[in-house]
Amino acid sequence: MRIERIGREPEFSRYMNLKEGWLDRRIFSDADIYEEELYRIFARSWLFVAHESQLPKAGDFLTTHMGEDGVIVARQPDGSIRVFLNSCPHRGNKVCFADAGNTRRFVCNYHGWAFDTAGDLKGMHEEYCYDDNDIDRRKNGLKQVARVGSYKGLVFATFAEDGPSLDAWLGDFRWYLDMLLDNEDGGTELIGGCIKSVMNANWKFGVENFIGDAYHAGWTHDSGCRSMNNGEPFPPIDMENSYHASVNGHGWEFGTEGVGDLFLLGRPKVLEYYERIRPKMAQRLGEMRSKIFGSVASASIFPNVSFLPGISTFRQWQPKGPMEFELKTWVIVNKTMPDDIKDEITKGVMQTFGPGGTFEMDDGENWSNCTTVNRGVITRHERLHYRCGISRQIDHDTLPGIVYRGQYNDANQRGFYQRWLDMMEADKLDTMPQRPEPRLSGVGETRNLPGLFAL
């Protein structure tokens, strides 16, 4: 699949100096920079498109976006998943308007061109008007993405024919992801449907907030936390035993006390459930990961997926221009947990990080103001400060990735923007550096890593 950008190619490194700890505000509002992001990042990254639990049967489908390109994700009769553009090759009309469902055909409502669930063209309205040499059906199906892959239930796709495999893209970050996706037998599922909301903010503000900004929580969310927890403030941060960990732009910031986010969820039954399974979690993933899970933590997968592992909100920031994104939010739970615990988690997520949640409204207002204020004619030329914790990088025997001590830190944000810069400037993905060199290369299952289990 040939991906070309015709237009200016600026020196993107002039928009940041991460060793010094600053960013240029224009990356959050400039329309030309945003257009380059669509080509250089969203058209070449592995992007989350579905969870396998959303497509349990052949013919199940959902519609979503990869960058600003609408796509259909469909389960095939052989159990595989295909992803193709939601755009008819005849005049470009949107083919499927449903969010999700089950079908045998996708039919364009403009001229009646019909496609099967593999995206192949099967028929047209008034076919007799086409002479024998007018159309080759094999070449006029719905355009397929270049590659589709999955990791423990999460389905990703990319338009890029070359570049790293999905396992290589996630790399050592799989060690962290398994705390969410593999802390119990049976894996995970998304429940309760998808909530969509539109925010007048740049997509990167949402990602960077979740990838590392624990610093805002005790101030921005103080009133919300107190209102939900009998006047108790946000849990204190242990700066000696909390960390930022970054792998090629993916990031997880976390404590090791095991209960902070479960406390913020405000559902005692959920806390009791995880305390019961924590010994088995330690056997399965190692003691360190069992202590991280449930702590005050947040994480993002580059470029635009985020989640709170203890609170169970899972979300994607879909870009809709330099100053708008669509936020898609799900609840992610362990498949095997009791239904009453799933219900408690769902209620907790809606009260905290749903559209009307006590914390979500705080964040949305801040991101919107950051975006609009930063585009002022004079304001846009001022630098933003990203130096917090810049000298606290450490070597850690257990934790993979680039690790910094102290949860109040800008380290993961700097790691995210470093990967942003890598992709904006790299002509070929294979030339991008590994940040850092992987420790788990060739390892298929992080449960089989006793050497990384020590405290």
Protein backbone atom coordinates (compact mmCIF):
# COMPACT_ATOMS: atom_id res chain seq x y z
CA MET A 1 0.00 0.00 0.00
CA ARG A 2 1.69 3.19 -1.19
CA ILE A 3 1.43 6.10 1.23
CA GLU A 4 2.65 9.45 -0.08
CA ARG A 5 2.52 12.94 1.33
CA ILE A 6 2.81 15.79 -1.16
CA GLY A 7 3.63 19.00 0.65
CA ARG A 8 6.08 20.61 2.99
CA GLU A 9 8.48 18.50 5.03
CA PRO A 10 9.73 20.70 7.89
CA GLU A 11 12.50 19.88 10.30
CA PHE A 12 10.32 18.58 13.13
CA SER A 13 13.17 18.53 15.64
CA ARG A 14 12.89 22.32 15.82
CA TYR A 15 9.59 21.87 17.66
CA MET A 16 11.16 20.28 20.73
CA ASN A 17 14.33 19.65 22.68
CA LEU A 18 13.61 16.77 25.01
CA LYS A 19 17.08 16.67 26.52
CA GLU A 20 16.49 20.23 27.65
CA GLY A 21 12.84 19.47 28.43
CA TRP A 22 10.72 21.78 26.27
CA LEU A 23 8.08 21.58 23.51
CA ASP A 24 6.86 24.11 20.96
CA ARG A 25 3.16 24.82 21.48
CA ARG A 26 2.45 24.80 17.74
CA ILE A 27 2.40 20.99 17.62
CA PHE A 28 -0.99 21.17 19.35
CA SER A 29 -2.78 23.47 16.90
CA ASP A 30 -0.93 23.83 13.59
CA ALA A 31 -3.02 22.39 10.75
CA ASP A 32 0.01 21.49 8.60
CA ILE A 33 1.67 19.60 11.45
CA TYR A 34 -1.58 17.74 12.07
CA GLU A 35 -1.80 16.73 8.41
CA GLU A 36 1.74 15.36 8.61
CA GLU A 37 0.75 13.39 11.71
CA LEU A 38 -1.98 11.63 9.73
CA TYR A 39 0.54 10.51 7.11
CA ARG A 40 3.62 9.88 9.21
CA ILE A 41 2.08 8.48 12.40
CA PHE A 42 -1.48 7.26 11.86
CA ALA A 43 -0.91 5.82 8.38
CA ARG A 44 2.17 3.90 9.56
CA SER A 45 1.51 2.87 13.19
CA TRP A 46 -0.12 -0.26 14.52
CA LEU A 47 -3.51 1.12 15.62
CA PHE A 48 -6.04 -0.49 17.96
CA VAL A 49 -9.23 -1.34 16.03
CA ALA A 50 -11.15 -3.83 18.23
CA HIS A 51 -11.13 -6.30 21.07
CA GLU A 52 -11.74 -9.89 20.02
CA SER A 53 -14.65 -10.09 22.48
CA GLN A 54 -16.52 -7.56 20.31
CA LEU A 55 -16.48 -9.99 17.37
CA PRO A 56 -17.35 -13.41 18.78
CA LYS A 57 -19.10 -14.89 15.69
CA ALA A 58 -18.53 -15.05 11.94
CA GLY A 59 -20.19 -12.05 10.31
CA ASP A 60 -19.77 -9.85 13.39
CA PHE A 61 -18.41 -6.43 12.52
CA LEU A 62 -17.78 -2.98 13.90
CA THR A 63 -16.82 0.34 12.34
CA THR A 64 -14.06 2.59 13.61
CA HIS A 65 -11.29 4.89 12.38
CA MET A 66 -7.59 4.58 11.76
CA GLY A 67 -6.57 8.21 11.97
CA GLU A 68 -9.30 9.88 9.91
CA ASP A 69 -9.80 6.85 7.65
CA GLY A 70 -13.03 5.01 8.37
CA VAL A 71 -12.66 1.22 8.44
CA ILE A 72 -14.79 -1.89 8.90
CA VAL A 73 -13.48 -4.67 11.16
CA ALA A 74 -15.13 -8.03 10.41
CA ARG A 75 -14.87 -11.58 11.72
CA GLN A 76 -14.44 -14.13 8.93
CA PRO A 77 -15.92 -17.67 8.67
CA ASP A 78 -12.46 -19.13 9.37
CA GLY A 79 -12.18 -17.11 12.58
CA SER A 80 -9.70 -14.56 11.25
CA ILE A 81 -10.35 -10.80 11.30
CA ARG A 82 -10.16 -8.52 8.28
CA VAL A 83 -9.99 -4.74 8.25
CA PHE A 84 -10.83 -2.65 5.18
CA LEU A 85 -11.76 0.91 4.25
CA ASN A 86 -15.36 1.92 4.85
CA SER A 87 -15.50 3.64 1.48
CA CYS A 88 -17.02 2.38 -1.75
CA PRO A 89 -14.51 2.24 -4.64
CA HIS A 90 -17.23 3.50 -7.02
CA ARG A 91 -17.74 7.08 -5.75
CA GLY A 92 -16.25 6.90 -2.27
CA ASN A 93 -19.50 6.83 -0.30
CA LYS A 94 -19.54 5.45 3.23
CA VAL A 95 -20.59 1.80 2.92
CA CYS A 96 -21.59 0.91 6.49
CA PHE A 97 -23.26 3.40 8.82
CA ALA A 98 -23.83 1.02 11.75
CA ASP A 99 -21.49 1.05 14.74
CA ALA A 100 -21.62 -2.76 15.02
CA GLY A 101 -23.70 -5.80 14.11
CA ASN A 102 -23.75 -9.10 12.23
CA THR A 103 -24.17 -9.35 8.46
CA ARG A 104 -23.45 -11.31 5.29
CA ARG A 105 -23.13 -8.25 3.05
CA PHE A 106 -22.17 -4.60 3.13
CA VAL A 107 -24.17 -2.68 0.50
CA CYS A 108 -23.47 0.91 -0.54
CA ASN A 109 -26.69 2.95 -0.44
CA TYR A 110 -25.64 5.14 -3.42
CA HIS A 111 -25.48 2.69 -6.35
CA GLY A 112 -26.04 -0.66 -4.66
CA TRP A 113 -22.55 -2.09 -4.89
CA ALA A 114 -22.45 -5.11 -2.54
CA PHE A 115 -19.45 -6.56 -0.71
CA ASP A 116 -19.07 -9.67 1.44
CA THR A 117 -17.57 -9.64 4.93
CA ALA A 118 -14.11 -10.09 3.42
CA GLY A 119 -14.60 -6.83 1.49
CA ASP A 120 -14.82 -8.53 -1.92
CA LEU A 121 -17.18 -7.05 -4.52
CA LYS A 122 -20.02 -9.51 -5.12
CA GLY A 123 -22.58 -7.58 -7.16
CA MET A 124 -23.97 -4.23 -8.30
CA HIS A 125 -27.37 -2.73 -8.99
CA GLU A 126 -28.28 -3.07 -12.70
CA GLU A 127 -25.18 -5.08 -13.51
CA TYR A 128 -26.19 -5.30 -17.17
CA CYS A 129 -25.03 -1.71 -17.73
CA TYR A 130 -21.41 -2.86 -17.35
CA ASP A 131 -19.86 -4.44 -20.44
CA ASP A 132 -17.47 -7.39 -20.12
CA ASN A 133 -14.31 -5.30 -19.94
CA ASP A 134 -15.71 -2.42 -17.89
CA ILE A 135 -14.93 -3.75 -14.42
CA ASP A 136 -12.76 -6.38 -12.75
CA ARG A 137 -14.50 -7.33 -9.52
CA ARG A 138 -11.28 -8.71 -8.06
CA LYS A 139 -9.71 -5.24 -8.23
CA ASN A 140 -12.71 -3.28 -6.98
CA GLY A 141 -13.33 -4.64 -3.50
CA LEU A 142 -13.05 -2.57 -0.35
CA LYS A 143 -9.40 -1.61 0.17
CA GLN A 144 -7.72 -3.90 2.72
CA VAL A 145 -5.27 -2.64 5.31
CA ALA A 146 -1.75 -3.98 4.92
CA ARG A 147 -1.58 -6.07 8.10
CA VAL A 148 -3.78 -7.18 11.00
CA GLY A 149 -2.50 -8.63 14.28
CA SER A 150 -3.66 -9.28 17.83
CA TYR A 151 -2.13 -9.39 21.29
CA LYS A 152 -4.06 -11.17 24.05
CA GLY A 153 -7.43 -9.96 22.80
CA LEU A 154 -6.47 -6.53 21.48
CA VAL A 155 -6.72 -6.32 17.68
CA PHE A 156 -4.46 -3.91 15.80
CA ALA A 157 -4.11 -2.99 12.13
CA THR A 158 -1.69 -0.94 10.05
CA PHE A 159 -1.66 0.56 6.57
CA ALA A 160 2.13 0.08 6.44
CA GLU A 161 3.35 -2.92 4.45
CA ASP A 162 6.82 -2.73 5.98
CA GLY A 163 8.10 -1.92 9.42
CA PRO A 164 7.99 -3.86 12.69
CA SER A 165 5.62 -6.72 13.48
CA LEU A 166 2.98 -6.09 16.14
CA ASP A 167 5.04 -8.00 18.72
CA ALA A 168 8.06 -5.88 17.89
CA TRP A 169 5.93 -2.70 17.97
CA LEU A 170 4.76 -3.50 21.51
CA GLY A 171 8.17 -4.92 22.43
CA ASP A 172 9.09 -4.95 26.10
CA PHE A 173 5.89 -3.05 26.90
CA ARG A 174 4.17 -6.44 26.77
CA TRP A 175 5.59 -7.04 30.26
CA TYR A 176 3.42 -4.18 31.49
CA LEU A 177 0.41 -4.90 29.27
CA ASP A 178 0.08 -8.38 30.73
CA MET A 179 -0.86 -6.84 34.07
CA LEU A 180 -4.06 -5.67 32.38
CA LEU A 181 -4.61 -8.43 29.84
CA ASP A 182 -3.32 -11.57 31.56
CA ASN A 183 -3.57 -11.23 35.33
CA GLU A 184 -6.03 -14.14 35.53
CA ASP A 185 -6.94 -17.19 33.42
CA GLY A 186 -9.42 -16.46 30.63
CA GLY A 187 -8.17 -13.08 29.46
CA THR A 188 -10.27 -9.93 29.18
CA GLU A 189 -13.36 -8.58 27.46
CA LEU A 190 -14.97 -5.21 26.78
CA ILE A 191 -18.44 -4.91 28.30
CA GLY A 192 -21.33 -2.46 28.16
CA GLY A 193 -20.78 -1.05 24.69
CA CYS A 194 -18.79 2.00 23.63
CA ILE A 195 -19.36 5.57 24.78
CA LYS A 196 -18.36 8.31 22.34
CA SER A 197 -17.78 11.94 23.20
CA VAL A 198 -16.19 14.82 21.30
CA MET A 199 -13.74 17.22 22.93
CA ASN A 200 -12.37 20.47 21.55
CA ALA A 201 -8.77 19.53 22.22
CA ASN A 202 -5.73 18.12 20.47
CA TRP A 203 -5.52 14.31 20.66
CA LYS A 204 -2.02 14.35 22.15
CA PHE A 205 -3.17 16.04 25.35
CA GLY A 206 -5.30 13.01 26.24
CA VAL A 207 -2.52 10.54 25.48
CA GLU A 208 0.18 12.42 27.39
CA ASN A 209 -2.10 12.86 30.38
CA PHE A 210 -2.64 9.12 30.69
CA ILE A 211 0.91 8.13 29.81
CA GLY A 212 2.50 9.90 32.74
CA ASP A 213 0.69 12.86 34.32
CA ALA A 214 0.06 11.69 37.87
CA TYR A 215 1.09 15.19 38.94
CA HIS A 216 -2.27 16.77 38.04
CA ALA A 217 -4.42 14.29 39.94
CA GLY A 218 -4.01 15.53 43.49
CA TRP A 219 -4.93 19.07 42.43
CA THR A 220 -7.31 18.77 39.46
CA HIS A 221 -9.24 15.82 40.90
CA ASP A 222 -9.11 16.71 44.60
CA SER A 223 -12.77 17.71 44.96
CA GLY A 224 -13.98 14.73 42.91
CA CYS A 225 -11.89 12.32 44.97
CA ARG A 226 -13.16 13.75 48.24
CA SER A 227 -16.78 13.66 47.08
CA MET A 228 -16.57 9.94 46.27
CA ASN A 229 -14.47 8.77 49.21
CA ASN A 230 -15.94 10.25 52.40
CA GLY A 231 -13.83 13.39 52.23
CA GLU A 232 -10.54 11.51 51.80
CA PRO A 233 -8.01 13.27 49.53
CA PHE A 234 -6.09 11.71 46.67
CA PRO A 235 -3.76 8.96 47.96
CA PRO A 236 -0.24 10.26 48.69
CA ILE A 237 2.53 9.36 46.25
CA ASP A 238 5.59 7.48 47.47
CA MET A 239 8.26 9.10 45.27
CA GLU A 240 10.87 6.51 46.27
CA ASN A 241 8.81 3.46 45.26
CA SER A 242 6.92 4.73 42.23
CA TYR A 243 8.09 4.93 38.64
CA HIS A 244 7.72 5.96 35.03
CA ALA A 245 8.54 3.28 32.42
CA SER A 246 8.67 4.02 28.69
CA VAL A 247 9.18 1.70 25.70
CA ASN A 248 9.27 3.22 22.20
CA GLY A 249 6.63 5.81 23.06
CA HIS A 250 4.40 3.48 25.08
CA GLY A 251 4.35 4.36 28.76
CA TRP A 252 3.11 3.24 32.18
CA GLU A 253 3.40 5.36 35.34
CA PHE A 254 2.71 3.57 38.59
CA GLY A 255 3.08 3.09 42.29
CA THR A 256 3.68 -0.23 44.01
CA GLU A 257 1.22 -0.04 46.90
CA GLY A 258 -1.41 -2.10 45.07
CA VAL A 259 -4.59 -0.28 46.13
CA GLY A 260 -4.59 3.41 45.11
CA ASP A 261 -6.68 3.17 41.93
CA LEU A 262 -8.91 0.49 43.41
CA PHE A 263 -9.61 2.95 46.24
CA LEU A 264 -10.39 5.74 43.74
CA LEU A 265 -12.86 3.48 41.93
CA GLY A 266 -14.96 3.70 45.05
CA ARG A 267 -16.23 0.09 44.95
CA PRO A 268 -15.22 -1.96 48.04
CA LYS A 269 -16.34 -5.26 46.48
CA VAL A 270 -13.90 -4.75 43.60
CA LEU A 271 -11.04 -4.08 46.00
CA GLU A 272 -11.92 -7.23 47.94
CA TYR A 273 -12.03 -9.27 44.73
CA TYR A 274 -8.56 -8.22 43.62
CA GLU A 275 -7.13 -8.76 47.08
CA ARG A 276 -8.43 -12.34 46.90
CA ILE A 277 -6.79 -13.06 43.54
CA ARG A 278 -3.56 -11.14 44.22
CA PRO A 279 -1.63 -14.21 45.51
CA LYS A 280 -2.47 -16.07 42.29
CA MET A 281 -1.54 -12.97 40.31
CA ALA A 282 1.86 -13.03 42.00
CA GLN A 283 2.32 -16.67 41.03
CA ARG A 284 1.27 -15.90 37.48
CA LEU A 285 3.08 -12.61 36.81
CA GLY A 286 5.57 -12.28 39.64
CA GLU A 287 5.41 -10.35 42.88
CA MET A 288 6.43 -6.99 41.42
CA ARG A 289 3.59 -6.95 38.90
CA SER A 290 1.10 -8.11 41.52
CA LYS A 291 2.10 -5.07 43.62
CA ILE A 292 1.87 -2.66 40.68
CA PHE A 293 -1.64 -3.75 39.69
CA GLY A 294 -4.29 -1.72 41.49
CA SER A 295 -1.84 1.04 42.45
CA VAL A 296 -2.31 4.60 41.30
CA ALA A 297 -1.34 4.16 37.65
CA SER A 298 -2.10 5.14 34.09
CA ALA A 299 -0.78 4.01 30.73
CA SER A 300 -0.84 4.62 26.98
CA ILE A 301 0.01 2.56 23.91
CA PHE A 302 1.57 4.71 21.18
CA PRO A 303 0.03 6.50 19.45
CA ASN A 304 -3.55 6.85 20.75
CA VAL A 305 -4.78 4.21 23.23
CA SER A 306 -4.88 4.72 27.00
CA PHE A 307 -6.19 2.93 30.06
CA LEU A 308 -6.29 2.94 33.85
CA PRO A 309 -5.50 -0.66 34.84
CA GLY A 310 -6.96 -0.48 38.35
CA ILE A 311 -10.05 1.53 37.40
CA SER A 312 -10.69 -0.50 34.20
CA THR A 313 -11.41 2.32 31.78
CA PHE A 314 -10.00 1.64 28.29
CA ARG A 315 -10.05 4.40 25.70
CA GLN A 316 -8.93 5.67 22.31
CA TRP A 317 -8.31 9.24 21.22
CA GLN A 318 -9.46 9.52 17.58
CA PRO A 319 -8.10 12.66 15.87
CA LYS A 320 -10.66 14.88 14.13
CA GLY A 321 -8.45 17.82 13.28
CA PRO A 322 -5.76 19.68 15.20
CA MET A 323 -8.25 21.02 17.74
CA GLU A 324 -10.76 18.19 18.14
CA PHE A 325 -10.81 14.51 18.97
CA GLU A 326 -13.44 11.85 19.47
CA LEU A 327 -12.96 9.91 22.69
CA LYS A 328 -14.14 6.29 22.59
CA THR A 329 -14.43 4.69 26.02
CA TRP A 330 -15.00 1.08 27.08
CA VAL A 331 -14.95 -0.90 30.32
CA ILE A 332 -12.39 -3.72 30.30
CA VAL A 333 -12.75 -6.64 32.74
CA ASN A 334 -11.49 -10.17 33.27
CA LYS A 335 -13.79 -12.61 31.49
CA THR A 336 -13.94 -15.03 34.40
CA MET A 337 -14.77 -12.57 37.17
CA PRO A 338 -18.29 -12.81 38.65
CA ASP A 339 -21.06 -10.76 37.03
CA ASP A 340 -21.68 -8.74 40.18
CA ILE A 341 -18.02 -7.62 40.19
CA LYS A 342 -18.28 -6.67 36.51
CA ASP A 343 -21.36 -4.61 37.35
CA GLU A 344 -19.57 -2.88 40.22
CA ILE A 345 -16.61 -2.03 37.97
CA THR A 346 -18.92 -0.64 35.27
CA LYS A 347 -20.68 1.62 37.77
CA GLY A 348 -17.35 2.76 39.16
CA VAL A 349 -16.00 3.62 35.71
CA MET A 350 -19.13 5.60 34.83
CA GLN A 351 -18.89 7.57 38.07
CA THR A 352 -15.22 8.39 37.59
CA PHE A 353 -14.23 8.33 33.90
CA GLY A 354 -17.53 8.27 32.01
CA PRO A 355 -18.66 11.42 30.13
CA GLY A 356 -20.36 12.65 33.31
CA GLY A 357 -17.75 11.20 35.64
CA THR A 358 -16.27 13.26 38.42
CA PHE A 359 -12.75 13.04 36.96
CA GLU A 360 -13.49 13.05 33.21
CA MET A 361 -15.12 16.47 33.26
CA ASP A 362 -12.10 17.96 35.03
CA ASP A 363 -9.70 16.63 32.41
CA GLY A 364 -11.78 17.60 29.37
CA GLU A 365 -11.97 21.22 30.49
CA ASN A 366 -8.20 21.40 31.02
CA TRP A 367 -7.32 19.82 27.65
CA SER A 368 -9.72 22.10 25.79
CA ASN A 369 -8.26 25.20 27.44
CA CYS A 370 -4.69 24.05 26.77
CA THR A 371 -5.50 23.62 23.07
CA THR A 372 -7.33 26.89 22.50
CA VAL A 373 -5.02 29.05 24.60
CA ASN A 374 -1.86 27.66 22.99
CA ARG A 375 -2.91 28.83 19.52
CA GLY A 376 -2.75 32.52 20.39
CA VAL A 377 -0.55 34.41 17.91
CA ILE A 378 2.03 35.35 20.54
CA THR A 379 1.34 32.47 22.91
CA ARG A 380 2.06 29.79 20.31
CA HIS A 381 5.71 30.87 20.13
CA GLU A 382 6.34 30.31 23.84
CA ARG A 383 7.84 27.02 24.99
CA LEU A 384 6.14 24.49 27.27
CA HIS A 385 8.04 23.06 30.26
CA TYR A 386 8.64 19.27 30.35
CA ARG A 387 11.65 19.01 32.69
CA CYS A 388 10.08 17.45 35.78
CA GLY A 389 12.26 14.55 36.99
CA ILE A 390 14.67 14.92 34.08
CA SER A 391 17.67 13.71 36.15
CA ARG A 392 15.94 10.76 37.86
CA GLN A 393 16.56 8.00 35.30
CA ILE A 394 17.64 4.73 36.93
CA ASP A 395 18.69 1.20 36.03
CA HIS A 396 16.23 -1.32 37.42
CA ASP A 397 16.81 -5.07 37.61
CA THR A 398 13.12 -5.94 37.25
CA LEU A 399 11.39 -3.21 35.26
CA PRO A 400 11.89 -3.21 31.48
CA GLY A 401 12.08 0.00 29.46
CA ILE A 402 13.48 3.44 30.18
CA VAL A 403 12.76 3.81 33.89
CA TYR A 404 12.62 6.95 36.04
CA ARG A 405 12.06 7.05 39.77
CA GLY A 406 9.15 9.05 41.15
CA GLN A 407 5.59 9.10 39.86
CA TYR A 408 5.48 12.89 39.69
CA ASN A 409 7.57 13.15 36.55
CA ASP A 410 7.50 14.20 32.88
CA ALA A 411 9.62 11.23 31.79
CA ASN A 412 6.93 9.24 29.97
CA GLN A 413 5.66 12.38 28.28
CA ARG A 414 9.17 13.03 27.00
CA GLY A 415 9.32 9.41 25.81
CA PHE A 416 6.02 9.80 23.98
CA TYR A 417 7.13 12.96 22.17
CA GLN A 418 10.49 11.39 21.35
CA ARG A 419 8.64 8.61 19.50
CA TRP A 420 6.40 11.22 17.89
CA LEU A 421 9.54 12.95 16.64
CA ASP A 422 11.10 9.64 15.50
CA MET A 423 8.07 8.86 13.34
CA MET A 424 7.63 12.37 12.01
CA GLU A 425 11.23 12.40 10.74
CA ALA A 426 11.83 8.76 9.70
CA ASP A 427 11.42 7.95 6.00
CA LYS A 428 11.41 4.23 6.83
CA LEU A 429 10.15 2.71 10.06
CA ASP A 430 13.00 0.19 10.12
CA THR A 431 15.48 3.04 10.58
CA MET A 432 13.93 4.25 13.84
CA PRO A 433 16.01 3.58 16.96
CA GLN A 434 14.86 1.26 19.73
CA ARG A 435 14.20 3.24 22.90
CA PRO A 436 15.63 1.32 24.74
CA GLU A 437 17.22 -1.79 23.27
CA PRO A 438 14.76 -4.60 24.06
CA ARG A 439 15.39 -7.00 26.93
CA LEU A 440 12.58 -9.38 25.94
CA SER A 441 13.35 -9.78 22.24
CA GLY A 442 12.26 -13.22 21.06
CA VAL A 443 10.28 -13.88 24.24
CA GLY A 444 6.75 -14.96 23.37
CA GLU A 445 5.24 -15.08 26.86
CA THR A 446 6.15 -12.74 29.72
CA ARG A 447 4.84 -15.23 32.29
CA ASN A 448 7.94 -17.31 31.55
CA LEU A 449 10.42 -14.73 32.79
CA PRO A 450 11.46 -15.63 36.34
CA GLY A 451 14.52 -13.40 36.07
CA LEU A 452 12.27 -10.35 35.85
CA PHE A 453 10.10 -11.33 38.79
CA ALA A 454 12.38 -10.28 41.64
CA LEU A 455 11.49 -7.25 43.73
